[in-house]
Amino acid sequence: MIPCYHDVEMPKSMTLRLTDEQAAELEAIARIENVPIAEEVRIALTEHIAKRRRDRAFQARLKASIKRNQEILDRLAST
């Protein structure tokens, strides 16, 4: 059974290493917002990913990476 959180599947568990300062600030934010630390991390990641989707330079690097990887996959598939 895959754990769910607010009707969203959460199949991935991760370990996150933070500095003492980052951990203290994250704990304070979560406490003030009255949410679990994990929820505060998910919110930050969602915002970071959305920012990358709007970032033209990142999108250009992403497309270049996709092209390079597709060329490799095509070579591997044509053996």
Protein backbone atom coordinates (compact mmCIF):
# COMPACT_ATOMS: atom_id res chain seq x y z
CA MET A 1 0.00 0.00 0.00
CA ILE A 2 1.35 3.44 -0.97
CA PRO A 3 1.05 6.08 1.78
CA CYS A 4 -1.18 9.04 0.93
CA TYR A 5 -1.15 12.59 2.21
CA HIS A 6 -4.11 14.84 1.43
CA ASP A 7 -5.26 12.45 -1.34
CA VAL A 8 -1.83 12.57 -3.03
CA GLU A 9 0.26 9.41 -3.33
CA MET A 10 3.57 9.69 -1.46
CA PRO A 11 5.65 6.70 -2.57
CA LYS A 12 9.07 8.33 -2.11
CA SER A 13 10.83 8.71 1.21
CA MET A 14 14.04 10.76 1.40
CA THR A 15 16.73 11.74 3.84
CA LEU A 16 17.57 15.41 3.83
CA ARG A 17 20.76 16.75 5.41
CA LEU A 18 20.47 20.31 6.70
CA THR A 19 22.75 22.61 8.58
CA ASP A 20 21.76 23.26 12.20
CA GLU A 21 20.65 26.74 11.17
CA GLN A 22 18.50 25.45 8.28
CA ALA A 23 16.91 22.82 10.52
CA ALA A 24 16.13 25.34 13.26
CA GLU A 25 14.62 27.80 10.79
CA LEU A 26 12.58 25.08 9.06
CA GLU A 27 11.28 23.81 12.40
CA ALA A 28 10.33 27.36 13.44
CA ILE A 29 8.48 28.01 10.16
CA ALA A 30 6.60 24.70 10.39
CA ARG A 31 5.69 25.36 14.03
CA ILE A 32 4.43 28.88 13.25
CA GLU A 33 2.45 27.62 10.23
CA ASN A 34 1.19 24.68 12.33
CA VAL A 35 2.15 22.10 9.71
CA PRO A 36 4.55 19.14 9.80
CA ILE A 37 8.13 19.83 8.75
CA ALA A 38 7.68 17.44 5.83
CA GLU A 39 4.76 19.52 4.56
CA GLU A 40 6.86 22.69 4.73
CA VAL A 41 9.57 20.93 2.69
CA ARG A 42 7.00 19.77 0.11
CA ILE A 43 5.70 23.34 -0.21
CA ALA A 44 9.22 24.68 -0.75
CA LEU A 45 9.99 22.01 -3.35
CA THR A 46 6.74 22.68 -5.20
CA GLU A 47 7.59 26.39 -5.35
CA HIS A 48 11.17 25.66 -6.47
CA ILE A 49 10.01 23.36 -9.27
CA ALA A 50 7.44 25.93 -10.43
CA LYS A 51 10.19 28.56 -10.51
CA ARG A 52 12.37 26.29 -12.67
CA ARG A 53 9.50 25.72 -15.09
CA ARG A 54 9.31 29.50 -15.63
CA ASP A 55 13.11 29.93 -15.86
CA ARG A 56 14.07 30.30 -19.54
CA ALA A 57 17.77 29.54 -18.94
CA PHE A 58 16.89 26.36 -17.06
CA GLN A 59 14.45 25.34 -19.78
CA ALA A 60 17.18 25.80 -22.41
CA ARG A 61 19.57 23.60 -20.39
CA LEU A 62 16.81 21.04 -19.92
CA LYS A 63 16.07 20.86 -23.65
CA ALA A 64 19.78 20.48 -24.43
CA SER A 65 20.00 17.66 -21.89
CA ILE A 66 16.96 15.93 -23.35
CA LYS A 67 18.48 16.16 -26.84
CA ARG A 68 21.83 14.71 -25.67
CA ASN A 69 20.15 11.89 -23.78
CA GLN A 70 17.81 11.10 -26.67
CA GLU A 71 20.81 10.77 -28.99
CA ILE A 72 22.41 8.30 -26.56
CA LEU A 73 19.20 6.31 -26.21
CA ASP A 74 18.77 6.22 -29.99
CA ARG A 75 22.32 4.84 -30.38
CA LEU A 76 21.70 2.20 -27.74
CA ALA A 77 18.41 1.17 -29.35
CA SER A 78 19.94 0.69 -32.78
CA THR A 79 22.27 -2.17 -31.94
